[in-house]
């Protein structure tokens, strides 16, 4: 009886919390048990995903990251000072299963920008003053191609700080704009 109650609560939570966020993309029903995630895929197949560590329900989120109309799975895997990484499982309608995607999983704070149809890595971080955001296009084979990078950095010898905005085409930088940031001292 207790297990059924947990599944009902998680189903109600996942439908209410993620259904609106996905703009009516069907959200899978899921439950966690130790290091396993059991999920009912959009086409009704039950799939079990195993992780290297224990998975909490709060570690799991759904988002259509590749803009194919199916909810993909993000399972929190690790965090640094600023960066948060997820194991990303993209839904494959041909096999009716979720598949781990290493490219998406390498992008910190990975998310989807529905307006531009770009994948966003929102929290790249190298130091207190070197932080940036990267945006990627996604092709039909779910490969990511860098589109832009915006961030800040500091000159270690002078302490001056700068912002930059780089634009890429076919993965190669085609323009770059740098602006010195003023100090409030």
N, C-alpha and C. Protein backbone atom coordinates (compact mmCIF):
# COMPACT_ATOMS: atom_id res chain seq x y z
N UNK A 1 0.82 -1.19 0.00
CA UNK A 1 0.00 0.00 0.00
C UNK A 1 0.87 1.25 0.00
N UNK A 2 1.93 1.25 0.76
CA UNK A 2 2.80 2.42 0.84
C UNK A 2 3.42 2.72 -0.52
N UNK A 3 3.87 1.72 -1.27
CA UNK A 3 4.47 1.93 -2.58
C UNK A 3 3.48 2.56 -3.54
N UNK A 4 2.25 2.08 -3.55
CA UNK A 4 1.23 2.66 -4.43
C UNK A 4 1.00 4.12 -4.10
N UNK A 5 1.01 4.46 -2.83
CA UNK A 5 0.82 5.84 -2.41
C UNK A 5 1.93 6.72 -2.95
N UNK A 6 3.19 6.25 -2.86
CA UNK A 6 4.33 7.01 -3.36
C UNK A 6 4.22 7.21 -4.86
N UNK A 7 3.87 6.17 -5.59
CA UNK A 7 3.73 6.29 -7.04
C UNK A 7 2.63 7.28 -7.39
N UNK A 8 1.51 7.24 -6.70
CA UNK A 8 0.43 8.18 -6.97
C UNK A 8 0.88 9.61 -6.72
N UNK A 9 1.57 9.85 -5.61
CA UNK A 9 2.04 11.20 -5.28
C UNK A 9 3.04 11.67 -6.33
N UNK A 10 3.99 10.82 -6.70
CA UNK A 10 4.97 11.22 -7.70
C UNK A 10 4.31 11.47 -9.04
N UNK A 11 3.32 10.66 -9.42
CA UNK A 11 2.62 10.89 -10.68
C UNK A 11 1.89 12.23 -10.65
N UNK A 12 1.21 12.51 -9.55
CA UNK A 12 0.51 13.78 -9.44
C UNK A 12 1.50 14.93 -9.45
N UNK A 13 2.63 14.78 -8.76
CA UNK A 13 3.65 15.82 -8.71
C UNK A 13 4.26 16.03 -10.09
N UNK A 14 4.64 14.92 -10.76
CA UNK A 14 5.30 15.07 -12.05
C UNK A 14 4.35 15.66 -13.08
N UNK A 15 3.10 15.28 -13.06
CA UNK A 15 2.14 15.81 -14.02
C UNK A 15 1.89 17.29 -13.77
N UNK A 16 1.68 17.67 -12.53
CA UNK A 16 1.39 19.06 -12.21
C UNK A 16 2.63 19.93 -12.38
N UNK A 17 3.76 19.49 -11.89
CA UNK A 17 4.95 20.33 -11.89
C UNK A 17 5.58 20.44 -13.27
N UNK A 18 5.61 19.35 -14.02
CA UNK A 18 6.34 19.38 -15.27
C UNK A 18 5.46 19.52 -16.49
N UNK A 19 4.19 19.22 -16.41
CA UNK A 19 3.31 19.32 -17.57
C UNK A 19 3.26 20.73 -18.13
N UNK A 20 3.10 21.73 -17.25
CA UNK A 20 3.07 23.12 -17.71
C UNK A 20 4.42 23.55 -18.24
N UNK A 21 5.49 23.13 -17.57
CA UNK A 21 6.83 23.54 -17.98
C UNK A 21 7.16 23.00 -19.36
N UNK A 22 6.60 21.87 -19.74
CA UNK A 22 6.89 21.29 -21.04
C UNK A 22 5.90 21.72 -22.11
N UNK A 23 5.02 22.66 -21.76
CA UNK A 23 4.05 23.16 -22.73
C UNK A 23 3.23 22.02 -23.33
N UNK A 24 2.69 21.18 -22.48
CA UNK A 24 1.80 20.08 -22.82
C UNK A 24 2.49 18.89 -23.47
N UNK A 25 3.82 18.81 -23.40
CA UNK A 25 4.52 17.61 -23.83
C UNK A 25 4.24 16.57 -22.76
N UNK A 26 3.88 15.36 -23.17
CA UNK A 26 3.54 14.32 -22.21
C UNK A 26 4.71 14.04 -21.28
N UNK A 27 4.46 14.10 -19.99
CA UNK A 27 5.49 13.86 -18.99
C UNK A 27 5.41 12.40 -18.53
N UNK A 28 6.53 11.71 -18.56
CA UNK A 28 6.52 10.32 -18.14
C UNK A 28 6.19 10.17 -16.66
N UNK A 29 5.63 9.03 -16.31
CA UNK A 29 5.39 8.66 -14.91
C UNK A 29 6.66 7.96 -14.44
N UNK A 30 7.13 8.31 -13.24
CA UNK A 30 8.37 7.72 -12.76
C UNK A 30 8.33 7.50 -11.26
N UNK A 31 9.24 6.64 -10.77
CA UNK A 31 9.50 6.53 -9.35
C UNK A 31 10.93 6.07 -9.16
N UNK A 32 11.50 6.43 -8.02
CA UNK A 32 12.88 6.09 -7.72
C UNK A 32 12.94 5.07 -6.60
N UNK A 33 13.98 4.25 -6.65
CA UNK A 33 14.23 3.26 -5.60
C UNK A 33 15.73 3.03 -5.56
N UNK A 34 16.38 3.57 -4.53
CA UNK A 34 17.83 3.44 -4.43
C UNK A 34 18.51 4.13 -5.60
N UNK A 35 19.32 3.37 -6.35
CA UNK A 35 20.02 3.94 -7.49
C UNK A 35 19.30 3.66 -8.81
N UNK A 36 18.02 3.32 -8.73
CA UNK A 36 17.25 3.03 -9.94
C UNK A 36 16.11 4.02 -10.13
N UNK A 37 15.88 4.34 -11.38
CA UNK A 37 14.74 5.16 -11.78
C UNK A 37 13.90 4.31 -12.71
N UNK A 38 12.65 4.11 -12.37
CA UNK A 38 11.72 3.41 -13.26
C UNK A 38 10.83 4.47 -13.87
N UNK A 39 10.75 4.46 -15.18
CA UNK A 39 10.01 5.49 -15.90
C UNK A 39 9.15 4.83 -16.97
N UNK A 40 7.93 5.33 -17.10
CA UNK A 40 7.06 4.89 -18.19
C UNK A 40 7.26 5.89 -19.32
N UNK A 41 7.77 5.43 -20.43
CA UNK A 41 8.10 6.31 -21.55
C UNK A 41 6.83 6.86 -22.19
N UNK A 42 6.96 7.92 -23.01
CA UNK A 42 5.77 8.51 -23.64
C UNK A 42 4.93 7.52 -24.44
N UNK A 43 5.53 6.44 -24.92
CA UNK A 43 4.77 5.45 -25.69
C UNK A 43 4.42 4.22 -24.87
N UNK A 44 4.52 4.35 -23.53
CA UNK A 44 4.00 3.31 -22.63
C UNK A 44 4.94 2.19 -22.25
N UNK A 45 6.20 2.25 -22.63
CA UNK A 45 7.16 1.21 -22.27
C UNK A 45 7.77 1.57 -20.91
N UNK A 46 7.85 0.58 -20.01
CA UNK A 46 8.49 0.81 -18.71
C UNK A 46 9.98 0.53 -18.87
N UNK A 47 10.80 1.51 -18.46
CA UNK A 47 12.25 1.39 -18.58
C UNK A 47 12.88 1.65 -17.23
N UNK A 48 13.90 0.87 -16.90
CA UNK A 48 14.63 1.08 -15.66
C UNK A 48 16.01 1.65 -16.00
N UNK A 49 16.35 2.76 -15.35
CA UNK A 49 17.65 3.41 -15.54
C UNK A 49 18.41 3.30 -14.23
N UNK A 50 19.67 2.87 -14.31
CA UNK A 50 20.50 2.71 -13.13
C UNK A 50 21.54 3.81 -13.08
N UNK A 51 21.79 4.33 -11.89
CA UNK A 51 22.78 5.39 -11.68
C UNK A 51 23.87 4.88 -10.76
N UNK A 52 24.96 5.63 -10.70
CA UNK A 52 26.09 5.26 -9.85
C UNK A 52 25.82 5.57 -8.38
N UNK A 53 24.83 6.40 -8.11
CA UNK A 53 24.50 6.76 -6.73
C UNK A 53 23.00 6.72 -6.55
N UNK A 54 22.56 6.89 -5.34
CA UNK A 54 21.14 6.89 -5.03
C UNK A 54 20.44 8.07 -5.71
N UNK A 55 19.25 7.84 -6.24
CA UNK A 55 18.48 8.87 -6.93
C UNK A 55 17.27 9.23 -6.07
N UNK A 56 17.12 10.50 -5.79
CA UNK A 56 15.93 11.01 -5.11
C UNK A 56 14.97 11.53 -6.17
N UNK A 57 13.70 11.59 -5.85
CA UNK A 57 12.72 12.13 -6.79
C UNK A 57 13.07 13.56 -7.16
N UNK A 58 13.63 14.32 -6.23
CA UNK A 58 14.01 15.71 -6.51
C UNK A 58 15.23 15.83 -7.43
N UNK A 59 15.96 14.72 -7.66
CA UNK A 59 17.09 14.71 -8.59
C UNK A 59 16.65 14.58 -10.04
N UNK A 60 15.38 14.25 -10.26
CA UNK A 60 14.87 13.95 -11.60
C UNK A 60 14.02 15.10 -12.11
N UNK A 61 14.30 15.52 -13.34
CA UNK A 61 13.45 16.53 -13.98
C UNK A 61 13.28 16.16 -15.46
N UNK A 62 12.25 16.71 -16.05
CA UNK A 62 11.93 16.42 -17.45
C UNK A 62 11.90 17.72 -18.23
N UNK A 63 12.50 17.68 -19.42
CA UNK A 63 12.53 18.85 -20.29
C UNK A 63 12.81 18.36 -21.71
N UNK A 64 12.15 18.94 -22.68
CA UNK A 64 12.40 18.58 -24.08
C UNK A 64 13.65 19.32 -24.53
N UNK A 65 14.80 18.70 -24.33
CA UNK A 65 16.08 19.34 -24.61
C UNK A 65 16.44 19.37 -26.09
N UNK A 66 15.95 18.42 -26.87
CA UNK A 66 16.30 18.38 -28.29
C UNK A 66 15.15 18.81 -29.20
N UNK A 67 14.10 19.35 -28.62
CA UNK A 67 12.99 19.98 -29.35
C UNK A 67 12.28 19.02 -30.32
N UNK A 68 12.15 17.75 -29.91
CA UNK A 68 11.46 16.78 -30.76
C UNK A 68 10.03 16.51 -30.30
N UNK A 69 9.59 17.21 -29.25
CA UNK A 69 8.24 17.02 -28.75
C UNK A 69 8.11 15.98 -27.65
N UNK A 70 9.22 15.31 -27.28
CA UNK A 70 9.20 14.31 -26.22
C UNK A 70 10.00 14.82 -25.03
N UNK A 71 9.51 14.53 -23.83
CA UNK A 71 10.20 14.90 -22.61
C UNK A 71 11.46 14.05 -22.47
N UNK A 72 12.58 14.70 -22.23
CA UNK A 72 13.85 14.03 -21.96
C UNK A 72 14.08 14.07 -20.46
N UNK A 73 14.99 13.23 -19.97
CA UNK A 73 15.22 13.12 -18.53
C UNK A 73 16.57 13.73 -18.17
N UNK A 74 16.57 14.52 -17.09
CA UNK A 74 17.80 15.03 -16.48
C UNK A 74 17.85 14.47 -15.06
N UNK A 75 18.92 13.73 -14.75
CA UNK A 75 19.12 13.20 -13.41
C UNK A 75 20.36 13.88 -12.83
N UNK A 76 20.17 14.62 -11.74
CA UNK A 76 21.29 15.31 -11.11
C UNK A 76 22.39 14.32 -10.81
N UNK A 77 23.64 14.67 -11.21
CA UNK A 77 24.75 13.76 -10.96
C UNK A 77 25.85 14.35 -10.10
N UNK A 78 26.15 15.66 -10.26
CA UNK A 78 27.20 16.25 -9.44
C UNK A 78 27.12 17.77 -9.50
N UNK A 79 27.78 18.40 -8.53
CA UNK A 79 27.82 19.86 -8.49
C UNK A 79 29.18 20.31 -8.00
N UNK A 80 29.60 21.44 -8.54
CA UNK A 80 30.81 22.09 -8.07
C UNK A 80 30.40 23.35 -7.34
N UNK A 81 31.28 24.32 -7.34
CA UNK A 81 30.98 25.60 -6.70
C UNK A 81 29.76 26.26 -7.34
N UNK A 82 29.72 26.27 -8.65
CA UNK A 82 28.64 26.91 -9.40
C UNK A 82 27.97 25.93 -10.35
N UNK A 83 28.76 25.08 -10.96
CA UNK A 83 28.25 24.18 -12.00
C UNK A 83 27.44 23.03 -11.40
N UNK A 84 26.38 22.66 -12.13
CA UNK A 84 25.56 21.49 -11.78
C UNK A 84 25.49 20.62 -13.02
N UNK A 85 25.79 19.34 -12.86
CA UNK A 85 25.78 18.43 -13.99
C UNK A 85 24.66 17.41 -13.85
N UNK A 86 24.15 16.99 -14.98
CA UNK A 86 23.05 16.03 -15.04
C UNK A 86 23.42 14.92 -16.01
N UNK A 87 22.99 13.71 -15.71
CA UNK A 87 23.01 12.64 -16.69
C UNK A 87 21.75 12.85 -17.52
N UNK A 88 21.95 13.08 -18.81
CA UNK A 88 20.82 13.42 -19.69
C UNK A 88 20.47 12.21 -20.54
N UNK A 89 19.20 11.82 -20.47
CA UNK A 89 18.67 10.72 -21.25
C UNK A 89 17.67 11.29 -22.25
N UNK A 90 18.01 11.19 -23.53
CA UNK A 90 17.12 11.67 -24.58
C UNK A 90 16.18 10.55 -24.99
N UNK A 91 14.92 10.90 -25.22
CA UNK A 91 13.95 9.89 -25.63
C UNK A 91 14.13 9.59 -27.11
N UNK A 92 14.19 8.31 -27.45
CA UNK A 92 14.30 7.86 -28.83
C UNK A 92 13.00 7.18 -29.22
N UNK A 93 12.14 7.85 -30.01
CA UNK A 93 10.84 7.26 -30.34
C UNK A 93 10.95 5.98 -31.18
N UNK A 94 12.06 5.80 -31.90
CA UNK A 94 12.20 4.57 -32.70
C UNK A 94 12.36 3.35 -31.81
N UNK A 95 13.22 3.46 -30.79
CA UNK A 95 13.43 2.32 -29.89
C UNK A 95 12.47 2.36 -28.70
N UNK A 96 11.74 3.49 -28.56
CA UNK A 96 10.79 3.70 -27.45
C UNK A 96 11.49 3.64 -26.10
N UNK A 97 12.75 4.10 -26.06
CA UNK A 97 13.52 4.09 -24.82
C UNK A 97 14.28 5.41 -24.66
N UNK A 98 14.73 5.64 -23.43
CA UNK A 98 15.62 6.76 -23.14
C UNK A 98 17.05 6.28 -23.28
N UNK A 99 17.91 7.12 -23.87
CA UNK A 99 19.31 6.77 -24.04
C UNK A 99 20.19 7.87 -23.47
N UNK A 100 21.19 7.46 -22.70
CA UNK A 100 22.13 8.40 -22.13
C UNK A 100 22.87 9.10 -23.26
N UNK A 101 22.94 10.43 -23.19
CA UNK A 101 23.65 11.21 -24.20
C UNK A 101 24.83 11.94 -23.55
N UNK A 102 26.04 11.56 -23.92
CA UNK A 102 27.23 12.13 -23.29
C UNK A 102 27.42 13.59 -23.65
N UNK A 103 27.05 14.03 -24.85
CA UNK A 103 27.19 15.43 -25.23
C UNK A 103 26.35 16.35 -24.37
N UNK A 104 25.08 16.05 -24.20
CA UNK A 104 24.20 16.86 -23.36
C UNK A 104 24.64 16.78 -21.89
N UNK A 105 25.13 15.61 -21.47
CA UNK A 105 25.51 15.40 -20.08
C UNK A 105 26.76 16.20 -19.69
N UNK A 106 27.55 16.63 -20.65
CA UNK A 106 28.77 17.40 -20.37
C UNK A 106 28.50 18.89 -20.21
N UNK A 107 27.28 19.35 -20.50
CA UNK A 107 26.95 20.77 -20.45
C UNK A 107 26.42 21.12 -19.05
N UNK A 108 27.13 21.99 -18.31
CA UNK A 108 26.66 22.32 -16.96
C UNK A 108 25.39 23.16 -16.99
N UNK A 109 24.50 22.90 -16.05
CA UNK A 109 23.22 23.61 -15.95
C UNK A 109 22.48 23.58 -17.29
N UNK A 110 22.46 22.41 -17.90
CA UNK A 110 21.86 22.26 -19.23
C UNK A 110 20.36 22.54 -19.19
N UNK A 111 19.89 23.26 -20.20
CA UNK A 111 18.47 23.58 -20.32
C UNK A 111 18.13 23.91 -21.76
N UNK A 112 16.86 24.07 -22.04
CA UNK A 112 16.39 24.36 -23.39
C UNK A 112 15.78 25.75 -23.45
N UNK A 113 16.13 26.51 -24.47
CA UNK A 113 15.51 27.80 -24.74
C UNK A 113 14.49 27.57 -25.85
N UNK A 114 13.22 27.51 -25.47
CA UNK A 114 12.16 27.20 -26.44
C UNK A 114 12.00 28.29 -27.49
N UNK A 115 12.33 29.53 -27.14
CA UNK A 115 12.18 30.64 -28.09
C UNK A 115 13.18 30.56 -29.24
N UNK A 116 14.42 30.20 -28.93
CA UNK A 116 15.45 30.15 -29.97
C UNK A 116 15.76 28.73 -30.43
N UNK A 117 15.15 27.73 -29.81
CA UNK A 117 15.45 26.32 -30.07
C UNK A 117 16.95 26.05 -29.93
N UNK A 118 17.51 26.53 -28.82
CA UNK A 118 18.91 26.30 -28.52
C UNK A 118 19.04 25.66 -27.15
N UNK A 119 20.06 24.83 -27.01
CA UNK A 119 20.40 24.25 -25.71
C UNK A 119 21.33 25.24 -25.04
N UNK A 120 21.11 25.46 -23.75
CA UNK A 120 21.89 26.45 -23.01
C UNK A 120 22.66 25.79 -21.88
N UNK A 121 23.95 26.07 -21.83
CA UNK A 121 24.78 25.71 -20.69
C UNK A 121 24.92 26.98 -19.88
N UNK A 122 24.17 27.10 -18.79
CA UNK A 122 23.99 28.39 -18.12
C UNK A 122 24.99 28.70 -17.03
N UNK A 123 25.91 27.79 -16.71
CA UNK A 123 26.76 28.08 -15.54
C UNK A 123 28.18 27.54 -15.67
N UNK A 124 28.83 27.81 -16.80
CA UNK A 124 30.24 27.46 -16.90
C UNK A 124 31.01 28.35 -15.93
N UNK A 125 32.05 27.79 -15.31
CA UNK A 125 32.74 28.52 -14.23
C UNK A 125 34.19 28.03 -14.15
N UNK A 126 35.13 28.99 -14.16
CA UNK A 126 36.53 28.63 -14.01
C UNK A 126 37.16 29.31 -12.81
N UNK A 127 36.64 30.47 -12.41
CA UNK A 127 37.17 31.19 -11.24
C UNK A 127 36.11 32.19 -10.78
N UNK A 128 36.43 32.96 -9.76
CA UNK A 128 35.48 33.93 -9.23
C UNK A 128 35.06 34.96 -10.28
N UNK A 129 35.94 35.26 -11.23
CA UNK A 129 35.57 36.27 -12.24
C UNK A 129 35.49 35.68 -13.64
N UNK A 130 35.68 34.40 -13.79
CA UNK A 130 35.58 33.78 -15.13
C UNK A 130 34.38 32.84 -15.16
N UNK A 131 33.29 33.37 -15.69
CA UNK A 131 32.02 32.65 -15.79
C UNK A 131 31.44 32.91 -17.17
N UNK A 132 30.73 31.94 -17.73
CA UNK A 132 30.16 32.15 -19.04
C UNK A 132 28.95 31.26 -19.29
N UNK A 133 28.22 31.62 -20.33
CA UNK A 133 27.05 30.89 -20.79
C UNK A 133 27.31 30.50 -22.24
N UNK A 134 27.03 29.24 -22.57
CA UNK A 134 27.15 28.79 -23.96
C UNK A 134 25.79 28.38 -24.48
N UNK A 135 25.58 28.63 -25.79
CA UNK A 135 24.35 28.25 -26.46
C UNK A 135 24.72 27.35 -27.64
N UNK A 136 23.89 26.31 -27.85
CA UNK A 136 24.16 25.32 -28.89
C UNK A 136 22.93 25.10 -29.77
N UNK A 137 23.18 24.80 -31.03
CA UNK A 137 22.10 24.30 -31.88
C UNK A 137 22.13 22.78 -31.77
N UNK A 138 21.01 22.15 -32.10
CA UNK A 138 20.89 20.68 -32.04
C UNK A 138 20.49 20.20 -33.41
N UNK A 139 21.24 19.23 -33.96
CA UNK A 139 20.84 18.69 -35.26
C UNK A 139 19.94 17.47 -35.08
N UNK A 140 19.52 16.87 -36.17
CA UNK A 140 18.58 15.74 -36.11
C UNK A 140 19.18 14.50 -35.47
N UNK A 141 20.51 14.44 -35.38
CA UNK A 141 21.17 13.30 -34.74
C UNK A 141 21.55 13.63 -33.30
N UNK A 142 20.96 14.72 -32.76
CA UNK A 142 21.18 15.18 -31.39
C UNK A 142 22.62 15.57 -31.10
N UNK A 143 23.32 16.06 -32.12
CA UNK A 143 24.67 16.59 -31.93
C UNK A 143 24.56 18.07 -31.63
N UNK A 144 25.36 18.53 -30.67
CA UNK A 144 25.37 19.93 -30.28
C UNK A 144 26.48 20.67 -31.03
N UNK A 145 26.14 21.87 -31.52
CA UNK A 145 27.12 22.74 -32.17
C UNK A 145 27.08 24.09 -31.48
N UNK A 146 28.24 24.56 -31.03
CA UNK A 146 28.34 25.84 -30.32
C UNK A 146 27.89 26.98 -31.23
N UNK A 147 27.00 27.84 -30.71
CA UNK A 147 26.46 28.99 -31.44
C UNK A 147 27.01 30.29 -30.86
N UNK A 148 27.04 30.39 -29.52
CA UNK A 148 27.55 31.61 -28.89
C UNK A 148 28.08 31.32 -27.50
N UNK A 149 28.93 32.25 -27.04
CA UNK A 149 29.49 32.17 -25.69
C UNK A 149 29.57 33.60 -25.17
N UNK A 150 28.99 33.83 -24.00
CA UNK A 150 29.03 35.16 -23.36
C UNK A 150 29.49 34.98 -21.93
N UNK A 151 30.41 35.87 -21.52
CA UNK A 151 30.89 35.72 -20.16
C UNK A 151 31.76 36.86 -19.69
N UNK A 152 32.45 36.60 -18.59
CA UNK A 152 33.36 37.56 -18.00
C UNK A 152 34.67 36.87 -17.66
N UNK A 153 35.75 37.66 -17.61
CA UNK A 153 37.05 37.15 -17.19
C UNK A 153 37.86 38.31 -16.63
N UNK A 154 38.95 38.00 -15.93
CA UNK A 154 39.81 39.01 -15.33
C UNK A 154 41.24 38.84 -15.82
N UNK A 155 41.97 39.95 -15.88
CA UNK A 155 43.39 39.91 -16.15
C UNK A 155 44.08 39.71 -14.80
N UNK A 156 44.75 38.58 -14.58
CA UNK A 156 45.32 38.30 -13.26
C UNK A 156 46.40 39.29 -12.84
N UNK A 157 47.13 39.89 -13.79
CA UNK A 157 48.21 40.81 -13.39
C UNK A 157 47.71 42.21 -13.05
N UNK A 158 46.60 42.64 -13.69
CA UNK A 158 46.11 44.00 -13.42
C UNK A 158 44.83 44.02 -12.60
N UNK A 159 44.11 42.90 -12.57
CA UNK A 159 42.84 42.85 -11.85
C UNK A 159 41.68 43.43 -12.65
N UNK A 160 41.95 43.91 -13.86
CA UNK A 160 40.87 44.46 -14.70
C UNK A 160 39.94 43.33 -15.12
N UNK A 161 38.66 43.66 -15.22
CA UNK A 161 37.69 42.64 -15.63
C UNK A 161 37.05 43.04 -16.96
N UNK A 162 36.64 42.02 -17.70
CA UNK A 162 36.11 42.21 -19.04
C UNK A 162 34.88 41.33 -19.24
N UNK A 163 34.01 41.76 -20.14
CA UNK A 163 32.93 40.90 -20.61
C UNK A 163 33.21 40.62 -22.07
N UNK A 164 32.72 39.49 -22.55
CA UNK A 164 32.92 39.15 -23.96
C UNK A 164 31.67 38.48 -24.51
N UNK A 165 31.56 38.55 -25.81
CA UNK A 165 30.44 37.97 -26.54
C UNK A 165 31.01 37.38 -27.82
N UNK A 166 31.09 36.06 -27.91
CA UNK A 166 31.62 35.37 -29.08
C UNK A 166 30.48 34.72 -29.85
N UNK A 167 30.56 34.79 -31.18
CA UNK A 167 29.57 34.15 -32.05
C UNK A 167 30.29 33.10 -32.88
N UNK A 168 29.64 31.93 -33.03
CA UNK A 168 30.24 30.81 -33.74
C UNK A 168 29.35 30.40 -34.91
N UNK A 169 29.97 29.90 -35.96
CA UNK A 169 29.25 29.32 -37.09
C UNK A 169 29.95 28.01 -37.42
N UNK A 170 29.18 26.94 -37.50
CA UNK A 170 29.74 25.60 -37.72
C UNK A 170 30.82 25.26 -36.70
N UNK A 171 30.64 25.73 -35.46
CA UNK A 171 31.57 25.43 -34.39
C UNK A 171 32.83 26.29 -34.38
N UNK A 172 32.97 27.24 -35.33
CA UNK A 172 34.15 28.10 -35.39
C UNK A 172 33.76 29.53 -35.05
N UNK A 173 34.59 30.19 -34.27
CA UNK A 173 34.30 31.57 -33.88
C UNK A 173 34.42 32.48 -35.10
N UNK A 174 33.34 33.25 -35.34
CA UNK A 174 33.35 34.17 -36.48
C UNK A 174 33.39 35.63 -36.03
N UNK A 175 33.06 35.90 -34.77
CA UNK A 175 33.17 37.27 -34.26
C UNK A 175 33.33 37.24 -32.75
N UNK A 176 33.95 38.30 -32.24
CA UNK A 176 34.16 38.42 -30.81
C UNK A 176 34.16 39.89 -30.44
N UNK A 177 33.46 40.21 -29.36
CA UNK A 177 33.41 41.58 -28.86
C UNK A 177 33.77 41.53 -27.40
N UNK A 178 34.75 42.37 -27.00
CA UNK A 178 35.19 42.42 -25.61
C UNK A 178 35.01 43.84 -25.10
N UNK A 179 34.53 43.96 -23.88
CA UNK A 179 34.31 45.27 -23.24
C UNK A 179 34.91 45.23 -21.85
N UNK A 180 35.71 46.27 -21.51
CA UNK A 180 36.26 46.35 -20.17
C UNK A 180 35.15 46.79 -19.21
N UNK A 181 35.06 46.11 -18.09
CA UNK A 181 34.09 46.45 -17.08
C UNK A 181 34.70 47.47 -16.13
N UNK A 182 33.94 48.43 -15.77
CA UNK A 182 34.45 49.49 -14.88
C UNK A 182 34.38 49.04 -13.42
N UNK A 183 35.37 49.48 -12.68
CA UNK A 183 35.39 49.19 -11.25
C UNK A 183 34.63 50.30 -10.52
N UNK A 184 33.95 49.95 -9.45
CA UNK A 184 33.17 50.95 -8.68
C UNK A 184 34.04 51.61 -7.60
N UNK A 185 35.35 51.42 -7.63
CA UNK A 185 36.24 52.00 -6.60
C UNK A 185 36.43 53.46 -6.82
